[in-house]
């Protein structure tokens, strides 16, 4: 059995929560920035709202 405590982690820039490596990210772990699709979409929405208020 695998020990999940030994998996690499990152911090999501949107929600500031740590997230761990997943098997589906095995080939692109360096490119993964967000913990979920929801955070990725929220980042896009925050960027658009920031442009209109500037």
C-alpha atoms as a PDB file:
ATOM      1  CA  UNK A   1       0.000   0.000   0.000  1.00  0.00           C
ATOM      2  CA  UNK A   2       1.204   3.512  -0.813  1.00  0.00           C
ATOM      3  CA  UNK A   3       1.898   6.148   1.789  1.00  0.00           C
ATOM      4  CA  UNK A   4       0.043   9.307   0.838  1.00  0.00           C
ATOM      5  CA  UNK A   5       2.139  11.424   3.174  1.00  0.00           C
ATOM      6  CA  UNK A   6       5.046  11.144   0.720  1.00  0.00           C
ATOM      7  CA  UNK A   7       3.228  12.701  -2.258  1.00  0.00           C
ATOM      8  CA  UNK A   8       4.404  16.133  -3.442  1.00  0.00           C
ATOM      9  CA  UNK A   9       2.203  19.133  -2.649  1.00  0.00           C
ATOM     10  CA  UNK A  10       1.583  22.636  -3.991  1.00  0.00           C
ATOM     11  CA  UNK A  11      -0.479  25.599  -2.812  1.00  0.00           C
ATOM     12  CA  UNK A  12      -3.309  26.860  -5.010  1.00  0.00           C
ATOM     13  CA  UNK A  13      -2.858  30.588  -5.798  1.00  0.00           C
ATOM     14  CA  UNK A  14      -6.636  31.185  -5.773  1.00  0.00           C
ATOM     15  CA  UNK A  15      -7.862  29.488  -2.591  1.00  0.00           C
ATOM     16  CA  UNK A  16      -4.459  29.262  -0.831  1.00  0.00           C
ATOM     17  CA  UNK A  17      -5.097  25.618   0.104  1.00  0.00           C
ATOM     18  CA  UNK A  18      -2.495  22.893  -0.297  1.00  0.00           C
ATOM     19  CA  UNK A  19      -3.204  20.113  -2.769  1.00  0.00           C
ATOM     20  CA  UNK A  20      -1.350  16.896  -3.452  1.00  0.00           C
ATOM     21  CA  UNK A  21      -0.154  15.111  -6.545  1.00  0.00           C
ATOM     22  CA  UNK A  22      -2.714  12.994  -8.402  1.00  0.00           C
ATOM     23  CA  UNK A  23      -2.058  10.176 -10.804  1.00  0.00           C
ATOM     24  CA  UNK A  24      -3.773  12.033 -13.660  1.00  0.00           C
ATOM     25  CA  UNK A  25      -1.181  14.828 -13.216  1.00  0.00           C
ATOM     26  CA  UNK A  26       1.786  12.439 -13.483  1.00  0.00           C
ATOM     27  CA  UNK A  27       2.866  13.709 -16.895  1.00  0.00           C
ATOM     28  CA  UNK A  28       2.246  17.419 -16.252  1.00  0.00           C
ATOM     29  CA  UNK A  29       2.794  18.037 -12.505  1.00  0.00           C
ATOM     30  CA  UNK A  30       5.135  21.000 -13.179  1.00  0.00           C
ATOM     31  CA  UNK A  31       2.384  22.725 -15.198  1.00  0.00           C
ATOM     32  CA  UNK A  32      -0.388  22.217 -12.633  1.00  0.00           C
ATOM     33  CA  UNK A  33      -1.162  25.502 -10.839  1.00  0.00           C
ATOM     34  CA  UNK A  34      -4.692  25.176  -9.508  1.00  0.00           C
ATOM     35  CA  UNK A  35      -6.222  22.577  -7.199  1.00  0.00           C
ATOM     36  CA  UNK A  36      -9.446  22.294  -9.167  1.00  0.00           C
ATOM     37  CA  UNK A  37     -11.315  23.362 -12.262  1.00  0.00           C
ATOM     38  CA  UNK A  38     -13.368  25.685 -10.072  1.00  0.00           C
ATOM     39  CA  UNK A  39     -10.258  27.584  -8.938  1.00  0.00           C
ATOM     40  CA  UNK A  40      -8.955  27.757 -12.507  1.00  0.00           C
ATOM     41  CA  UNK A  41     -12.241  29.299 -13.679  1.00  0.00           C
ATOM     42  CA  UNK A  42     -12.384  31.637 -10.686  1.00  0.00           C
ATOM     43  CA  UNK A  43      -8.904  32.923 -11.552  1.00  0.00           C
ATOM     44  CA  UNK A  44     -10.118  33.815 -15.045  1.00  0.00           C
ATOM     45  CA  UNK A  45     -13.140  35.627 -13.585  1.00  0.00           C
ATOM     46  CA  UNK A  46     -10.981  37.546 -11.091  1.00  0.00           C
ATOM     47  CA  UNK A  47      -8.640  38.680 -13.861  1.00  0.00           C
ATOM     48  CA  UNK A  48     -11.541  39.951 -15.983  1.00  0.00           C
ATOM     49  CA  UNK A  49     -13.129  41.837 -13.068  1.00  0.00           C
ATOM     50  CA  UNK A  50      -9.746  43.364 -12.184  1.00  0.00           C
ATOM     51  CA  UNK A  51      -9.262  44.721 -15.710  1.00  0.00           C
ATOM     52  CA  UNK A  52     -12.609  46.534 -15.794  1.00  0.00           C
ATOM     53  CA  UNK A  53     -12.133  48.233 -12.403  1.00  0.00           C
ATOM     54  CA  UNK A  54      -8.629  49.577 -13.240  1.00  0.00           C
END
